[in-house]
PDB file of N, CA and C in Angstrom:
ATOM      1  N   MET A   1       0.662  -1.108  -0.349  1.00  0.00           N
ATOM      2  CA  MET A   1      -0.033   0.087  -0.021  1.00  0.00           C
ATOM      3  C   MET A   1       1.050   1.137  -0.277  1.00  0.00           C
ATOM      4  N   THR A   2       0.974   1.996  -0.298  1.00  0.00           N
ATOM      5  CA  THR A   2       1.196   3.296  -0.963  1.00  0.00           C
ATOM      6  C   THR A   2       1.195   4.428   0.273  1.00  0.00           C
ATOM      7  N   ALA A   3       1.760   5.381   0.636  1.00  0.00           N
ATOM      8  CA  ALA A   3       2.016   6.076   1.238  1.00  0.00           C
ATOM      9  C   ALA A   3       0.763   6.403   1.843  1.00  0.00           C
ATOM     10  N   VAL A   4       0.057   7.454   0.333  1.00  0.00           N
ATOM     11  CA  VAL A   4      -1.254   8.616  -0.029  1.00  0.00           C
ATOM     12  C   VAL A   4      -2.385   7.287   0.490  1.00  0.00           C
ATOM     13  N   ALA A   5      -1.793   5.912  -0.362  1.00  0.00           N
ATOM     14  CA  ALA A   5      -3.315   5.199  -0.071  1.00  0.00           C
ATOM     15  C   ALA A   5      -3.622   4.789   1.697  1.00  0.00           C
ATOM     16  N   LYS A   6      -2.675   5.017   2.463  1.00  0.00           N
ATOM     17  CA  LYS A   6      -2.580   5.189   4.248  1.00  0.00           C
ATOM     18  C   LYS A   6      -2.923   6.541   4.772  1.00  0.00           C
ATOM     19  N   GLN A   7      -2.827   7.130   3.902  1.00  0.00           N
ATOM     20  CA  GLN A   7      -3.160   9.012   4.444  1.00  0.00           C
ATOM     21  C   GLN A   7      -5.466   8.589   3.818  1.00  0.00           C
ATOM     22  N   LYS A   8      -4.972   8.220   2.870  1.00  0.00           N
ATOM     23  CA  LYS A   8      -6.417   8.513   2.863  1.00  0.00           C
ATOM     24  C   LYS A   8      -7.270   7.334   3.780  1.00  0.00           C
ATOM     25  N   LYS A   9      -6.618   6.397   3.856  1.00  0.00           N
ATOM     26  CA  LYS A   9      -7.003   4.908   5.043  1.00  0.00           C
ATOM     27  C   LYS A   9      -7.360   5.754   6.324  1.00  0.00           C
ATOM     28  N   LYS A  10      -6.637   6.424   7.166  1.00  0.00           N
ATOM     29  CA  LYS A  10      -6.262   6.905   8.293  1.00  0.00           C
ATOM     30  C   LYS A  10      -7.342   8.141   8.331  1.00  0.00           C
ATOM     31  N   THR A  11      -7.750   9.321   7.301  1.00  0.00           N
ATOM     32  CA  THR A  11      -8.649  10.521   7.257  1.00  0.00           C
ATOM     33  C   THR A  11     -10.233   9.775   8.046  1.00  0.00           C
ATOM     34  N   ILE A  12     -10.288  10.623   8.752  1.00  0.00           N
ATOM     35  CA  ILE A  12     -11.421  10.840   9.741  1.00  0.00           C
ATOM     36  C   ILE A  12     -11.993  11.533   8.344  1.00  0.00           C
ATOM     37  N   SER A  13     -14.138  11.930   8.909  1.00  0.00           N
ATOM     38  CA  SER A  13     -15.081  12.580   8.198  1.00  0.00           C
ATOM     39  C   SER A  13     -14.732  14.312   8.953  1.00  0.00           C
ATOM     40  N   LYS A  14     -15.024  14.824   8.470  1.00  0.00           N
ATOM     41  CA  LYS A  14     -15.849  16.232   9.625  1.00  0.00           C
ATOM     42  C   LYS A  14     -16.747  16.182  10.961  1.00  0.00           C
ATOM     43  N   ASN A  15     -17.668  15.382  10.545  1.00  0.00           N
ATOM     44  CA  ASN A  15     -18.711  14.726  11.421  1.00  0.00           C
ATOM     45  C   ASN A  15     -17.883  14.395  12.689  1.00  0.00           C
ATOM     46  N   GLN A  16     -17.155  13.100  11.876  1.00  0.00           N
ATOM     47  CA  GLN A  16     -16.232  12.087  13.066  1.00  0.00           C
ATOM     48  C   GLN A  16     -14.945  12.936  14.008  1.00  0.00           C
ATOM     49  N   ALA A  17     -14.297  14.386  12.931  1.00  0.00           N
ATOM     50  CA  ALA A  17     -13.390  14.893  13.960  1.00  0.00           C
ATOM     51  C   ALA A  17     -14.989  16.023  14.920  1.00  0.00           C
ATOM     52  N   TRP A  18     -15.452  16.167  14.277  1.00  0.00           N
ATOM     53  CA  TRP A  18     -16.061  17.117  15.355  1.00  0.00           C
ATOM     54  C   TRP A  18     -16.884  16.791  17.501  1.00  0.00           C
ATOM     55  N   ALA A  19     -17.375  14.644  16.676  1.00  0.00           N
ATOM     56  CA  ALA A  19     -17.636  14.574  17.701  1.00  0.00           C
ATOM     57  C   ALA A  19     -16.174  14.510  18.294  1.00  0.00           C
ATOM     58  N   CYS A  20     -15.365  13.405  17.832  1.00  0.00           N
ATOM     59  CA  CYS A  20     -13.582  14.021  18.717  1.00  0.00           C
ATOM     60  C   CYS A  20     -13.413  14.866  19.630  1.00  0.00           C
ATOM     61  N   VAL A  21     -13.469  16.631  18.622  1.00  0.00           N
ATOM     62  CA  VAL A  21     -14.119  17.181  19.736  1.00  0.00           C
ATOM     63  C   VAL A  21     -14.086  17.360  21.294  1.00  0.00           C
ATOM     64  N   LEU A  22     -15.745  16.867  20.308  1.00  0.00           N
ATOM     65  CA  LEU A  22     -16.725  17.215  21.851  1.00  0.00           C
ATOM     66  C   LEU A  22     -16.929  16.017  22.850  1.00  0.00           C
ATOM     67  N   ILE A  23     -15.786  15.156  22.417  1.00  0.00           N
ATOM     68  CA  ILE A  23     -15.295  13.876  23.081  1.00  0.00           C
ATOM     69  C   ILE A  23     -14.279  14.213  24.193  1.00  0.00           C
ATOM     70  N   ALA A  24     -12.969  14.849  23.809  1.00  0.00           N
ATOM     71  CA  ALA A  24     -12.169  15.478  23.516  1.00  0.00           C
ATOM     72  C   ALA A  24     -12.941  17.039  24.968  1.00  0.00           C
ATOM     73  N   GLY A  25     -13.943  17.297  25.033  1.00  0.00           N
ATOM     74  CA  GLY A  25     -14.380  18.312  25.653  1.00  0.00           C
ATOM     75  C   GLY A  25     -14.896  17.912  26.325  1.00  0.00           C
ATOM     76  N   LEU A  26     -15.433  17.525  26.448  1.00  0.00           N
ATOM     77  CA  LEU A  26     -16.197  16.419  27.828  1.00  0.00           C
ATOM     78  C   LEU A  26     -14.910  15.469  28.997  1.00  0.00           C
ATOM     79  N   LEU A  27     -13.655  15.167  28.063  1.00  0.00           N
ATOM     80  CA  LEU A  27     -12.873  14.382  28.904  1.00  0.00           C
ATOM     81  C   LEU A  27     -12.121  16.113  29.319  1.00  0.00           C
ATOM     82  N   GLU A  28     -12.026  16.936  29.227  1.00  0.00           N
ATOM     83  CA  GLU A  28     -10.994  17.984  29.682  1.00  0.00           C
ATOM     84  C   GLU A  28     -12.346  18.877  31.330  1.00  0.00           C
ATOM     85  N   ILE A  29     -13.063  18.349  31.150  1.00  0.00           N
ATOM     86  CA  ILE A  29     -14.255  18.704  31.913  1.00  0.00           C
ATOM     87  C   ILE A  29     -13.646  17.788  33.016  1.00  0.00           C
ATOM     88  N   VAL A  30     -12.948  16.630  32.644  1.00  0.00           N
ATOM     89  CA  VAL A  30     -13.003  15.356  33.890  1.00  0.00           C
ATOM     90  C   VAL A  30     -11.505  15.764  34.477  1.00  0.00           C
ATOM     91  N   TRP A  31     -10.667  16.078  33.706  1.00  0.00           N
ATOM     92  CA  TRP A  31      -9.348  16.956  34.248  1.00  0.00           C
ATOM     93  C   TRP A  31      -9.264  17.723  35.000  1.00  0.00           C
ATOM     94  N   ALA A  32      -9.525  18.381  34.083  1.00  0.00           N
ATOM     95  CA  ALA A  32      -9.512  19.578  35.318  1.00  0.00           C
ATOM     96  C   ALA A  32     -10.443  20.114  36.407  1.00  0.00           C
ATOM     97  N   THR A  33     -11.221  19.375  36.442  1.00  0.00           N
ATOM     98  CA  THR A  33     -12.625  18.526  37.517  1.00  0.00           C
ATOM     99  C   THR A  33     -11.306  17.805  38.358  1.00  0.00           C
ATOM    100  N   GLY A  34     -11.023  17.399  37.997  1.00  0.00           N
ATOM    101  CA  GLY A  34      -9.977  16.744  39.175  1.00  0.00           C
ATOM    102  C   GLY A  34      -8.845  17.308  39.324  1.00  0.00           C
ATOM    103  N   PHE A  35      -7.970  18.116  38.941  1.00  0.00           N
ATOM    104  CA  PHE A  35      -7.331  18.926  39.407  1.00  0.00           C
ATOM    105  C   PHE A  35      -7.273  19.626  40.977  1.00  0.00           C
ATOM    106  N   LYS A  36      -8.954  19.729  41.017  1.00  0.00           N
ATOM    107  CA  LYS A  36      -9.676  20.174  42.101  1.00  0.00           C
ATOM    108  C   LYS A  36     -10.141  19.370  43.304  1.00  0.00           C
ATOM    109  N   TYR A  37     -10.956  18.007  42.515  1.00  0.00           N
ATOM    110  CA  TYR A  37     -11.368  16.962  43.252  1.00  0.00           C
ATOM    111  C   TYR A  37     -10.908  16.363  43.524  1.00  0.00           C
ATOM    112  N   GLU A  38     -10.322  15.637  44.829  1.00  0.00           N
ATOM    113  CA  GLU A  38      -9.514  14.407  45.178  1.00  0.00           C
ATOM    114  C   GLU A  38     -10.180  13.352  45.033  1.00  0.00           C
ATOM    115  N   GLU A  39     -11.769  13.685  44.484  1.00  0.00           N
ATOM    116  CA  GLU A  39     -12.849  13.268  44.213  1.00  0.00           C
ATOM    117  C   GLU A  39     -12.198  11.880  43.001  1.00  0.00           C
ATOM    118  N   VAL A  40     -11.877  12.656  42.146  1.00  0.00           N
ATOM    119  CA  VAL A  40     -11.037  11.999  40.292  1.00  0.00           C
ATOM    120  C   VAL A  40      -9.348  11.554  41.134  1.00  0.00           C
ATOM    121  N   PRO A  41      -9.955  10.133  40.422  1.00  0.00           N
ATOM    122  CA  PRO A  41      -8.402   9.078  40.699  1.00  0.00           C
ATOM    123  C   PRO A  41      -7.578  10.197  39.473  1.00  0.00           C
ATOM    124  N   SER A  42      -6.125  10.125  40.071  1.00  0.00           N
ATOM    125  CA  SER A  42      -4.945  11.061  39.187  1.00  0.00           C
ATOM    126  C   SER A  42      -4.620   9.939  38.666  1.00  0.00           C
ATOM    127  N   ILE A  43      -5.277   8.813  38.218  1.00  0.00           N
ATOM    128  CA  ILE A  43      -4.826   7.617  37.350  1.00  0.00           C
ATOM    129  C   ILE A  43      -6.012   7.932  36.181  1.00  0.00           C
ATOM    130  N   VAL A  44      -7.552   8.260  36.790  1.00  0.00           N
ATOM    131  CA  VAL A  44      -8.454   9.080  35.629  1.00  0.00           C
ATOM    132  C   VAL A  44      -8.325  10.203  34.727  1.00  0.00           C
ATOM    133  N   VAL A  45      -7.374  11.277  35.148  1.00  0.00           N
ATOM    134  CA  VAL A  45      -7.007  12.691  35.159  1.00  0.00           C
ATOM    135  C   VAL A  45      -5.904  12.176  34.163  1.00  0.00           C
ATOM    136  N   LEU A  46      -4.857  11.630  34.368  1.00  0.00           N
ATOM    137  CA  LEU A  46      -3.846  11.259  33.032  1.00  0.00           C
ATOM    138  C   LEU A  46      -4.510  10.444  31.831  1.00  0.00           C
ATOM    139  N   ILE A  47      -5.537   9.451  32.043  1.00  0.00           N
ATOM    140  CA  ILE A  47      -6.071   8.827  31.301  1.00  0.00           C
ATOM    141  C   ILE A  47      -6.751   9.809  30.554  1.00  0.00           C
ATOM    142  N   ALA A  48      -7.798  11.063  31.107  1.00  0.00           N
ATOM    143  CA  ALA A  48      -8.253  11.585  30.384  1.00  0.00           C
ATOM    144  C   ALA A  48      -7.649  12.752  29.736  1.00  0.00           C
ATOM    145  N   ILE A  49      -6.538  12.782  30.277  1.00  0.00           N
ATOM    146  CA  ILE A  49      -5.931  14.396  29.627  1.00  0.00           C
ATOM    147  C   ILE A  49      -5.716  13.766  28.525  1.00  0.00           C
ATOM    148  N   LEU A  50      -4.298  12.394  28.168  1.00  0.00           N
ATOM    149  CA  LEU A  50      -4.044  11.797  26.928  1.00  0.00           C
ATOM    150  C   LEU A  50      -5.049  11.545  26.209  1.00  0.00           C
ATOM    151  N   VAL A  51      -6.132  10.926  26.374  1.00  0.00           N
ATOM    152  CA  VAL A  51      -6.924  10.440  25.614  1.00  0.00           C
ATOM    153  C   VAL A  51      -7.422  12.310  25.005  1.00  0.00           C
ATOM    154  N   SER A  52      -7.536  13.145  26.015  1.00  0.00           N
ATOM    155  CA  SER A  52      -8.657  14.270  24.744  1.00  0.00           C
ATOM    156  C   SER A  52      -8.130  15.234  24.354  1.00  0.00           C
ATOM    157  N   PHE A  53      -6.233  15.145  24.286  1.00  0.00           N
ATOM    158  CA  PHE A  53      -5.204  15.709  23.345  1.00  0.00           C
ATOM    159  C   PHE A  53      -5.074  15.074  22.135  1.00  0.00           C
ATOM    160  N   ASP A  54      -5.447  13.879  21.922  1.00  0.00           N
ATOM    161  CA  ASP A  54      -5.354  12.529  21.234  1.00  0.00           C
ATOM    162  C   ASP A  54      -6.756  12.470  19.912  1.00  0.00           C
ATOM    163  N   LEU A  55      -7.420  13.069  20.768  1.00  0.00           N
ATOM    164  CA  LEU A  55      -8.625  13.303  19.956  1.00  0.00           C
ATOM    165  C   LEU A  55      -8.365  14.612  19.533  1.00  0.00           C
ATOM    166  N   ILE A  56      -8.100  15.588  19.897  1.00  0.00           N
ATOM    167  CA  ILE A  56      -7.913  17.024  19.363  1.00  0.00           C
ATOM    168  C   ILE A  56      -6.842  17.365  17.876  1.00  0.00           C
ATOM    169  N   ILE A  57      -5.675  16.312  18.861  1.00  0.00           N
ATOM    170  CA  ILE A  57      -4.761  16.021  17.334  1.00  0.00           C
ATOM    171  C   ILE A  57      -5.484  15.683  15.430  1.00  0.00           C
ATOM    172  N   ARG A  58      -6.624  14.023  16.430  1.00  0.00           N
ATOM    173  CA  ARG A  58      -7.098  13.748  15.753  1.00  0.00           C
ATOM    174  C   ARG A  58      -7.709  14.556  14.840  1.00  0.00           C
ATOM    175  N   ALA A  59      -8.271  15.727  15.084  1.00  0.00           N
ATOM    176  CA  ALA A  59      -9.822  16.406  15.066  1.00  0.00           C
ATOM    177  C   ALA A  59      -9.067  17.342  14.602  1.00  0.00           C
ATOM    178  N   THR A  60      -7.815  17.875  14.556  1.00  0.00           N
ATOM    179  CA  THR A  60      -7.537  19.265  13.944  1.00  0.00           C
ATOM    180  C   THR A  60      -6.330  18.749  12.074  1.00  0.00           C
ATOM    181  N   LYS A  61      -6.180  17.339  11.966  1.00  0.00           N
ATOM    182  CA  LYS A  61      -5.882  16.949  10.893  1.00  0.00           C
ATOM    183  C   LYS A  61      -7.110  17.504   9.755  1.00  0.00           C
ATOM    184  N   VAL A  62      -8.237  17.669  10.323  1.00  0.00           N
ATOM    185  CA  VAL A  62      -9.856  17.499   9.136  1.00  0.00           C
ATOM    186  C   VAL A  62     -10.374  18.569   8.907  1.00  0.00           C
ATOM    187  N   LEU A  63     -10.446  19.501  10.691  1.00  0.00           N
ATOM    188  CA  LEU A  63     -10.887  21.096  10.886  1.00  0.00           C
ATOM    189  C   LEU A  63      -9.281  22.054  11.293  1.00  0.00           C
ATOM    190  N   PRO A  64     -10.241  23.054  10.548  1.00  0.00           N
ATOM    191  CA  PRO A  64      -8.857  24.154  11.387  1.00  0.00           C
ATOM    192  C   PRO A  64      -8.590  24.352  12.331  1.00  0.00           C
ATOM    193  N   VAL A  65      -7.537  24.855  12.707  1.00  0.00           N
ATOM    194  CA  VAL A  65      -7.331  24.298  14.179  1.00  0.00           C
ATOM    195  C   VAL A  65      -7.607  25.418  15.344  1.00  0.00           C
ATOM    196  N   GLY A  66      -7.460  26.032  14.874  1.00  0.00           N
ATOM    197  CA  GLY A  66      -8.038  27.654  16.019  1.00  0.00           C
ATOM    198  C   GLY A  66     -10.101  27.010  16.399  1.00  0.00           C
ATOM    199  N   THR A  67     -10.427  27.290  14.941  1.00  0.00           N
ATOM    200  CA  THR A  67     -11.790  26.883  15.919  1.00  0.00           C
ATOM    201  C   THR A  67     -12.072  25.414  16.223  1.00  0.00           C
ATOM    202  N   THR A  68     -11.266  24.103  16.416  1.00  0.00           N
ATOM    203  CA  THR A  68     -11.258  23.303  17.072  1.00  0.00           C
ATOM    204  C   THR A  68     -10.981  22.981  18.406  1.00  0.00           C
ATOM    205  N   TYR A  69      -9.673  24.483  18.278  1.00  0.00           N
ATOM    206  CA  TYR A  69      -9.667  24.527  20.266  1.00  0.00           C
ATOM    207  C   TYR A  69     -10.397  25.862  20.704  1.00  0.00           C
ATOM    208  N   ALA A  70     -10.808  26.462  19.425  1.00  0.00           N
ATOM    209  CA  ALA A  70     -11.358  27.337  20.633  1.00  0.00           C
ATOM    210  C   ALA A  70     -12.504  26.538  21.089  1.00  0.00           C
ATOM    211  N   VAL A  71     -13.328  25.804  20.319  1.00  0.00           N
ATOM    212  CA  VAL A  71     -14.414  25.027  21.016  1.00  0.00           C
ATOM    213  C   VAL A  71     -13.933  24.255  21.833  1.00  0.00           C
ATOM    214  N   PHE A  72     -12.832  23.197  21.604  1.00  0.00           N
ATOM    215  CA  PHE A  72     -12.650  22.443  22.471  1.00  0.00           C
ATOM    216  C   PHE A  72     -12.421  23.020  24.678  1.00  0.00           C
ATOM    217  N   ALA A  73     -11.483  23.984  23.902  1.00  0.00           N
ATOM    218  CA  ALA A  73     -11.393  25.214  25.479  1.00  0.00           C
ATOM    219  C   ALA A  73     -12.768  24.931  25.627  1.00  0.00           C
ATOM    220  N   GLY A  74     -13.271  25.830  25.232  1.00  0.00           N
ATOM    221  CA  GLY A  74     -15.450  26.118  25.097  1.00  0.00           C
ATOM    222  C   GLY A  74     -15.602  25.439  26.049  1.00  0.00           C
ATOM    223  N   ILE A  75     -15.983  24.145  26.031  1.00  0.00           N
ATOM    224  CA  ILE A  75     -16.414  22.806  26.417  1.00  0.00           C
ATOM    225  C   ILE A  75     -15.870  23.086  27.575  1.00  0.00           C
ATOM    226  N   GLY A  76     -15.320  22.669  27.696  1.00  0.00           N
ATOM    227  CA  GLY A  76     -14.073  22.260  29.043  1.00  0.00           C
ATOM    228  C   GLY A  76     -14.897  23.980  29.727  1.00  0.00           C
ATOM    229  N   THR A  77     -14.591  24.958  29.834  1.00  0.00           N
ATOM    230  CA  THR A  77     -14.935  25.902  30.070  1.00  0.00           C
ATOM    231  C   THR A  77     -16.196  25.847  31.131  1.00  0.00           C
ATOM    232  N   VAL A  78     -17.467  25.483  30.507  1.00  0.00           N
ATOM    233  CA  VAL A  78     -18.744  25.770  29.951  1.00  0.00           C
ATOM    234  C   VAL A  78     -19.191  24.427  31.720  1.00  0.00           C
ATOM    235  N   GLY A  79     -18.233  23.664  30.957  1.00  0.00           N
ATOM    236  CA  GLY A  79     -18.484  22.270  31.488  1.00  0.00           C
ATOM    237  C   GLY A  79     -17.895  22.049  33.515  1.00  0.00           C
ATOM    238  N   THR A  80     -16.957  23.138  32.971  1.00  0.00           N
ATOM    239  CA  THR A  80     -15.924  23.200  34.905  1.00  0.00           C
ATOM    240  C   THR A  80     -16.831  24.767  35.311  1.00  0.00           C
ATOM    241  N   VAL A  81     -17.254  25.896  34.886  1.00  0.00           N
ATOM    242  CA  VAL A  81     -18.124  26.601  35.524  1.00  0.00           C
ATOM    243  C   VAL A  81     -19.553  25.487  36.060  1.00  0.00           C
ATOM    244  N   ILE A  82     -19.628  24.951  34.982  1.00  0.00           N
ATOM    245  CA  ILE A  82     -21.255  24.169  35.538  1.00  0.00           C
ATOM    246  C   ILE A  82     -20.911  23.073  36.536  1.00  0.00           C
ATOM    247  N   VAL A  83     -20.001  22.442  36.407  1.00  0.00           N
ATOM    248  CA  VAL A  83     -19.869  21.363  37.910  1.00  0.00           C
ATOM    249  C   VAL A  83     -18.964  22.036  39.451  1.00  0.00           C
ATOM    250  N   GLU A  84     -18.204  22.837  38.740  1.00  0.00           N
ATOM    251  CA  GLU A  84     -18.185  23.965  40.248  1.00  0.00           C
ATOM    252  C   GLU A  84     -19.230  24.428  41.048  1.00  0.00           C
ATOM    253  N   ALA A  85     -20.478  25.403  40.053  1.00  0.00           N
ATOM    254  CA  ALA A  85     -21.592  25.420  40.448  1.00  0.00           C
ATOM    255  C   ALA A  85     -22.725  24.676  41.407  1.00  0.00           C
ATOM    256  N   VAL A  86     -22.384  23.092  40.712  1.00  0.00           N
ATOM    257  CA  VAL A  86     -22.804  21.854  41.396  1.00  0.00           C
ATOM    258  C   VAL A  86     -22.249  21.898  42.493  1.00  0.00           C
ATOM    259  N   PHE A  87     -21.330  21.743  42.634  1.00  0.00           N
ATOM    260  CA  PHE A  87     -20.339  21.348  43.508  1.00  0.00           C
ATOM    261  C   PHE A  87     -19.743  22.464  44.860  1.00  0.00           C
ATOM    262  N   SER A  88     -20.279  23.306  44.532  1.00  0.00           N
ATOM    263  CA  SER A  88     -19.444  24.349  45.416  1.00  0.00           C
ATOM    264  C   SER A  88     -20.521  24.371  46.092  1.00  0.00           C
ATOM    265  N   ASN A  89     -20.738  25.342  47.081  1.00  0.00           N
ATOM    266  CA  ASN A  89     -21.791  26.162  48.315  1.00  0.00           C
ATOM    267  C   ASN A  89     -22.063  27.840  47.629  1.00  0.00           C
ATOM    268  N   GLY A  90     -21.420  28.036  47.310  1.00  0.00           N
ATOM    269  CA  GLY A  90     -21.262  29.559  46.723  1.00  0.00           C
ATOM    270  C   GLY A  90     -22.419  29.615  45.249  1.00  0.00           C
ATOM    271  N   GLY A  91     -23.220  28.604  45.055  1.00  0.00           N
ATOM    272  CA  GLY A  91     -23.826  28.667  43.528  1.00  0.00           C
ATOM    273  C   GLY A  91     -23.087  29.164  42.804  1.00  0.00           C
ATOM    274  N   ILE A  92     -23.621  29.752  41.678  1.00  0.00           N
ATOM    275  CA  ILE A  92     -23.723  30.392  40.344  1.00  0.00           C
ATOM    276  C   ILE A  92     -23.948  32.320  40.732  1.00  0.00           C
ATOM    277  N   SER A  93     -23.792  33.176  40.279  1.00  0.00           N
ATOM    278  CA  SER A  93     -24.003  34.239  39.680  1.00  0.00           C
ATOM    279  C   SER A  93     -24.795  34.232  39.143  1.00  0.00           C
ATOM    280  N   PHE A  94     -25.690  35.179  38.782  1.00  0.00           N
ATOM    281  CA  PHE A  94     -26.295  35.599  37.051  1.00  0.00           C
ATOM    282  C   PHE A  94     -25.106  36.245  36.043  1.00  0.00           C
ATOM    283  N   ILE A  95     -24.686  37.235  36.298  1.00  0.00           N
ATOM    284  CA  ILE A  95     -23.375  37.823  35.784  1.00  0.00           C
ATOM    285  C   ILE A  95     -22.868  36.286  34.877  1.00  0.00           C
ATOM    286  N   LYS A  96     -22.283  35.076  35.813  1.00  0.00           N
ATOM    287  CA  LYS A  96     -21.271  34.450  34.901  1.00  0.00           C
ATOM    288  C   LYS A  96     -22.115  33.335  34.165  1.00  0.00           C
ATOM    289  N   ILE A  97     -23.976  33.172  34.840  1.00  0.00           N
ATOM    290  CA  ILE A  97     -24.874  32.673  33.972  1.00  0.00           C
ATOM    291  C   ILE A  97     -24.574  32.764  32.614  1.00  0.00           C
ATOM    292  N   GLY A  98     -25.002  34.407  32.534  1.00  0.00           N
ATOM    293  CA  GLY A  98     -24.598  35.284  31.633  1.00  0.00           C
ATOM    294  C   GLY A  98     -23.712  35.466  30.268  1.00  0.00           C
ATOM    295  N   LEU A  99     -22.841  34.847  31.083  1.00  0.00           N
ATOM    296  CA  LEU A  99     -20.785  35.106  30.290  1.00  0.00           C
ATOM    297  C   LEU A  99     -20.846  33.908  30.101  1.00  0.00           C
ATOM    298  N   VAL A 100     -21.213  33.162  30.271  1.00  0.00           N
ATOM    299  CA  VAL A 100     -20.974  31.496  30.319  1.00  0.00           C
ATOM    300  C   VAL A 100     -22.186  31.564  29.072  1.00  0.00           C
ATOM    301  N   LEU A 101     -23.688  31.679  28.708  1.00  0.00           N
ATOM    302  CA  LEU A 101     -24.526  31.499  27.608  1.00  0.00           C
ATOM    303  C   LEU A 101     -23.270  32.368  26.613  1.00  0.00           C
ATOM    304  N   LEU A 102     -23.440  33.701  26.746  1.00  0.00           N
ATOM    305  CA  LEU A 102     -21.988  33.857  25.640  1.00  0.00           C
ATOM    306  C   LEU A 102     -21.506  33.317  25.388  1.00  0.00           C
ATOM    307  N   LEU A 103     -20.467  32.578  25.566  1.00  0.00           N
ATOM    308  CA  LEU A 103     -18.918  31.900  25.540  1.00  0.00           C
ATOM    309  C   LEU A 103     -19.809  30.473  24.753  1.00  0.00           C
ATOM    310  N   LEU A 104     -21.217  30.326  25.642  1.00  0.00           N
ATOM    311  CA  LEU A 104     -21.862  29.039  24.702  1.00  0.00           C
ATOM    312  C   LEU A 104     -22.102  29.409  22.971  1.00  0.00           C
ATOM    313  N   LEU A 105     -22.737  30.284  22.858  1.00  0.00           N
ATOM    314  CA  LEU A 105     -23.381  31.050  21.713  1.00  0.00           C
ATOM    315  C   LEU A 105     -21.711  31.122  20.820  1.00  0.00           C
ATOM    316  N   CYS A 106     -20.573  31.665  21.259  1.00  0.00           N
ATOM    317  CA  CYS A 106     -19.301  31.844  20.195  1.00  0.00           C
ATOM    318  C   CYS A 106     -18.932  30.356  20.019  1.00  0.00           C
ATOM    319  N   ILE A 107     -18.956  29.478  21.010  1.00  0.00           N
ATOM    320  CA  ILE A 107     -18.844  28.130  20.103  1.00  0.00           C
ATOM    321  C   ILE A 107     -19.653  27.529  18.810  1.00  0.00           C
ATOM    322  N   ILE A 108     -20.599  28.162  19.605  1.00  0.00           N
ATOM    323  CA  ILE A 108     -21.580  27.738  18.235  1.00  0.00           C
ATOM    324  C   ILE A 108     -21.770  28.339  16.575  1.00  0.00           C
ATOM    325  N   GLY A 109     -21.348  29.901  17.390  1.00  0.00           N
ATOM    326  CA  GLY A 109     -20.814  30.282  16.071  1.00  0.00           C
ATOM    327  C   GLY A 109     -19.688  29.946  15.166  1.00  0.00           C
ATOM    328  N   LEU A 110     -18.548  29.347  16.129  1.00  0.00           N
ATOM    329  CA  LEU A 110     -17.532  28.545  15.510  1.00  0.00           C
ATOM    330  C   LEU A 110     -17.537  27.094  14.768  1.00  0.00           C
ATOM    331  N   LYS A 111     -18.613  26.650  15.428  1.00  0.00           N
ATOM    332  CA  LYS A 111     -18.716  25.389  14.646  1.00  0.00           C
ATOM    333  C   LYS A 111     -20.063  25.662  13.280  1.00  0.00           C
ATOM    334  N   LEU A 112     -20.465  26.916  13.667  1.00  0.00           N
ATOM    335  CA  LEU A 112     -21.369  26.685  12.511  1.00  0.00           C
ATOM    336  C   LEU A 112     -20.552  26.623  10.749  1.00  0.00           C
ATOM    337  N   SER A 113     -19.607  28.259  11.486  1.00  0.00           N
ATOM    338  CA  SER A 113     -18.824  29.269  10.508  1.00  0.00           C
ATOM    339  C   SER A 113     -17.550  28.273  10.058  1.00  0.00           C
ATOM    340  N   GLY A 114     -16.668  27.295  11.396  1.00  0.00           N
ATOM    341  CA  GLY A 114     -15.731  25.914  10.121  1.00  0.00           C
ATOM    342  C   GLY A 114     -15.994  25.781   9.084  1.00  0.00           C
ATOM    343  N   GLY A 115     -16.870  25.641   8.469  1.00  0.00           N
ATOM    344  CA  GLY A 115     -16.527  25.332   7.280  1.00  0.00           C
ATOM    345  C   GLY A 115     -16.846  26.157   6.123  1.00  0.00           C
ATOM    346  N   LYS A 116     -16.585  27.493   6.597  1.00  0.00           N
ATOM    347  CA  LYS A 116     -16.111  27.918   5.072  1.00  0.00           C
ATOM    348  C   LYS A 116     -14.886  29.314   5.359  1.00  0.00           C
ATOM    349  N   GLU A 117     -14.278  28.583   5.827  1.00  0.00           N
ATOM    350  CA  GLU A 117     -12.877  29.707   5.094  1.00  0.00           C
ATOM    351  C   GLU A 117     -12.653  29.693   4.125  1.00  0.00           C
ATOM    352  N   ALA A 118     -12.151  31.283   3.217  1.00  0.00           N
ATOM    353  CA  ALA A 118     -11.328  31.872   2.605  1.00  0.00           C
ATOM    354  C   ALA A 118     -10.444  31.051   1.833  1.00  0.00           C
ATOM    355  N   HIS A 119     -10.190  30.577   0.641  1.00  0.00           N
ATOM    356  CA  HIS A 119      -9.042  30.682   0.294  1.00  0.00           C
ATOM    357  C   HIS A 119      -8.228  31.691  -1.193  1.00  0.00           C
TER     358      HIS A 119
END
């Protein structure tokens, strides 16, 4: 098998790449939360970090790196804020809710505009 054929065989679709970004973002919530809460075992944190970055690397071979990273980091940010609000006694302020919703809106916008690069 030629090198070109091997590369074509390993290429994932855009939908699969976005699925990788979503899963990597969810894993980011796990490992970022694990830094604060000792209920998350260190081995789980380590595995989540390694798998999330492997998925992001795979996704960036198909998707624009800036959009991919922004969506990945945004999912992690929104998720960790939600986890913190649920597990902390202080709850969450209205301003933080508004800012998280704004971030979520920006993530959706980046995702929707991800396939429209100028050549």
